[in-house]
Amino acid sequence: MARRPKAETQKMFRAVAVLLRNTTWKCGRIERLVVNYLQNHLRREGRGWSQIKDMVQHFKLQGKQKSEFFDALKRLEKRRIIRIETI
């Protein structure tokens, strides 16, 4: 696994994740956590999006976990379950 450039990581921190589909079929553990977090966010606050920085703080990710989290976001975006929008 290659190290992610710092500029790309900072760009992801400023982005928001938008829930497009409410499905976790064939998703891994981290993907399910992200989709469930966005579903709960939609139920509580009435919006289906959240900043990625807030999700990292909520899940208390550090080091390798943070890298796996970003990979999971990319997989969800590729499968068109979420959309990542830069601010």
C-alpha atoms as a PDB file:
ATOM      1  CA  MET A   1       0.000   0.000   0.000  1.00  0.00           C
ATOM      2  CA  ALA A   2       1.517   3.301  -1.096  1.00  0.00           C
ATOM      3  CA  ARG A   3       1.494   6.351   1.090  1.00  0.00           C
ATOM      4  CA  ARG A   4      -1.110   8.941   0.128  1.00  0.00           C
ATOM      5  CA  PRO A   5       0.216  12.448  -0.683  1.00  0.00           C
ATOM      6  CA  LYS A   6      -0.464  15.082   1.968  1.00  0.00           C
ATOM      7  CA  ALA A   7      -2.246  17.394  -0.498  1.00  0.00           C
ATOM      8  CA  GLU A   8      -4.701  14.630  -1.409  1.00  0.00           C
ATOM      9  CA  THR A   9      -5.394  13.890   2.257  1.00  0.00           C
ATOM     10  CA  GLN A  10      -6.036  17.557   3.033  1.00  0.00           C
ATOM     11  CA  LYS A  11      -8.340  17.777   0.008  1.00  0.00           C
ATOM     12  CA  MET A  12     -10.355  14.821   1.351  1.00  0.00           C
ATOM     13  CA  PHE A  13     -10.643  16.453   4.794  1.00  0.00           C
ATOM     14  CA  ARG A  14     -12.286  19.525   3.249  1.00  0.00           C
ATOM     15  CA  ALA A  15     -14.720  17.442   1.169  1.00  0.00           C
ATOM     16  CA  VAL A  16     -18.238  16.269   2.003  1.00  0.00           C
ATOM     17  CA  ALA A  17     -19.758  12.828   1.477  1.00  0.00           C
ATOM     18  CA  VAL A  18     -23.289  12.775   0.051  1.00  0.00           C
ATOM     19  CA  LEU A  19     -25.444   9.660   0.428  1.00  0.00           C
ATOM     20  CA  LEU A  20     -26.933   8.650  -2.938  1.00  0.00           C
ATOM     21  CA  ARG A  21     -28.191   5.126  -2.253  1.00  0.00           C
ATOM     22  CA  ASN A  22     -29.295   3.542   0.970  1.00  0.00           C
ATOM     23  CA  THR A  23     -27.668   0.132   0.524  1.00  0.00           C
ATOM     24  CA  THR A  24     -24.858  -1.823   2.164  1.00  0.00           C
ATOM     25  CA  TRP A  25     -25.080  -4.947   0.022  1.00  0.00           C
ATOM     26  CA  LYS A  26     -21.621  -6.511  -0.521  1.00  0.00           C
ATOM     27  CA  CYS A  27     -19.974  -3.770   1.539  1.00  0.00           C
ATOM     28  CA  GLY A  28     -17.179  -4.243   4.019  1.00  0.00           C
ATOM     29  CA  ARG A  29     -17.235  -3.238   7.671  1.00  0.00           C
ATOM     30  CA  ILE A  30     -15.923   0.282   7.145  1.00  0.00           C
ATOM     31  CA  GLU A  31     -18.251   0.915   4.206  1.00  0.00           C
ATOM     32  CA  ARG A  32     -21.238  -0.142   6.320  1.00  0.00           C
ATOM     33  CA  LEU A  33     -20.128   2.196   9.110  1.00  0.00           C
ATOM     34  CA  VAL A  34     -19.962   5.128   6.678  1.00  0.00           C
ATOM     35  CA  VAL A  35     -23.362   4.407   5.106  1.00  0.00           C
ATOM     36  CA  ASN A  36     -24.998   3.910   8.516  1.00  0.00           C
ATOM     37  CA  TYR A  37     -23.435   7.151   9.779  1.00  0.00           C
ATOM     38  CA  LEU A  38     -24.852   9.051   6.781  1.00  0.00           C
ATOM     39  CA  GLN A  39     -28.264   7.372   7.216  1.00  0.00           C
ATOM     40  CA  ASN A  40     -28.394   8.395  10.884  1.00  0.00           C
ATOM     41  CA  HIS A  41     -27.232  11.890   9.943  1.00  0.00           C
ATOM     42  CA  LEU A  42     -30.131  12.094   7.470  1.00  0.00           C
ATOM     43  CA  ARG A  43     -32.641  10.935  10.080  1.00  0.00           C
ATOM     44  CA  ARG A  44     -31.449  13.280  12.838  1.00  0.00           C
ATOM     45  CA  GLU A  45     -30.571  16.442  10.931  1.00  0.00           C
ATOM     46  CA  GLY A  46     -32.550  16.039   7.715  1.00  0.00           C
ATOM     47  CA  ARG A  47     -29.550  16.150   5.394  1.00  0.00           C
ATOM     48  CA  GLY A  48     -27.874  13.222   3.725  1.00  0.00           C
ATOM     49  CA  TRP A  49     -24.365  14.631   3.739  1.00  0.00           C
ATOM     50  CA  SER A  50     -21.560  15.145   6.205  1.00  0.00           C
ATOM     51  CA  GLN A  51     -18.037  16.499   6.156  1.00  0.00           C
ATOM     52  CA  ILE A  52     -15.382  13.825   5.967  1.00  0.00           C
ATOM     53  CA  LYS A  53     -13.424  15.571   8.725  1.00  0.00           C
ATOM     54  CA  ASP A  54     -16.417  15.118  11.063  1.00  0.00           C
ATOM     55  CA  MET A  55     -16.624  11.407  10.208  1.00  0.00           C
ATOM     56  CA  VAL A  56     -12.912  10.895  10.934  1.00  0.00           C
ATOM     57  CA  GLN A  57     -13.365  12.572  14.326  1.00  0.00           C
ATOM     58  CA  HIS A  58     -16.534  10.567  15.053  1.00  0.00           C
ATOM     59  CA  PHE A  59     -14.855   7.213  14.291  1.00  0.00           C
ATOM     60  CA  LYS A  60     -11.611   8.290  16.092  1.00  0.00           C
ATOM     61  CA  LEU A  61      -9.396   7.107  13.209  1.00  0.00           C
ATOM     62  CA  GLN A  62      -5.616   7.253  13.335  1.00  0.00           C
ATOM     63  CA  GLY A  63      -2.773   6.081  11.104  1.00  0.00           C
ATOM     64  CA  LYS A  64      -3.551   3.002   9.024  1.00  0.00           C
ATOM     65  CA  GLN A  65      -7.236   3.127   9.972  1.00  0.00           C
ATOM     66  CA  LYS A  66      -7.504   6.567   8.380  1.00  0.00           C
ATOM     67  CA  SER A  67      -5.941   5.263   5.172  1.00  0.00           C
ATOM     68  CA  GLU A  68      -8.370   2.326   5.093  1.00  0.00           C
ATOM     69  CA  PHE A  69     -11.226   4.769   5.705  1.00  0.00           C
ATOM     70  CA  PHE A  70     -10.228   6.867   2.681  1.00  0.00           C
ATOM     71  CA  ASP A  71      -9.966   3.711   0.565  1.00  0.00           C
ATOM     72  CA  ALA A  72     -13.460   2.702   1.695  1.00  0.00           C
ATOM     73  CA  LEU A  73     -14.797   6.126   0.680  1.00  0.00           C
ATOM     74  CA  LYS A  74     -13.257   5.705  -2.769  1.00  0.00           C
ATOM     75  CA  ARG A  75     -14.850   2.244  -3.133  1.00  0.00           C
ATOM     76  CA  LEU A  76     -18.258   3.606  -2.126  1.00  0.00           C
ATOM     77  CA  GLU A  77     -17.880   6.433  -4.626  1.00  0.00           C
ATOM     78  CA  LYS A  78     -16.883   3.993  -7.356  1.00  0.00           C
ATOM     79  CA  ARG A  79     -20.001   1.898  -6.620  1.00  0.00           C
ATOM     80  CA  ARG A  80     -22.113   5.117  -6.712  1.00  0.00           C
ATOM     81  CA  ILE A  81     -23.393   4.736  -3.164  1.00  0.00           C
ATOM     82  CA  ILE A  82     -21.928   8.073  -2.070  1.00  0.00           C
ATOM     83  CA  ARG A  83     -20.587  11.128  -3.891  1.00  0.00           C
ATOM     84  CA  ILE A  84     -17.552  13.028  -2.641  1.00  0.00           C
ATOM     85  CA  GLU A  85     -17.767  16.753  -3.314  1.00  0.00           C
ATOM     86  CA  THR A  86     -14.945  19.170  -2.618  1.00  0.00           C
ATOM     87  CA  ILE A  87     -15.777  22.473  -0.997  1.00  0.00           C
END
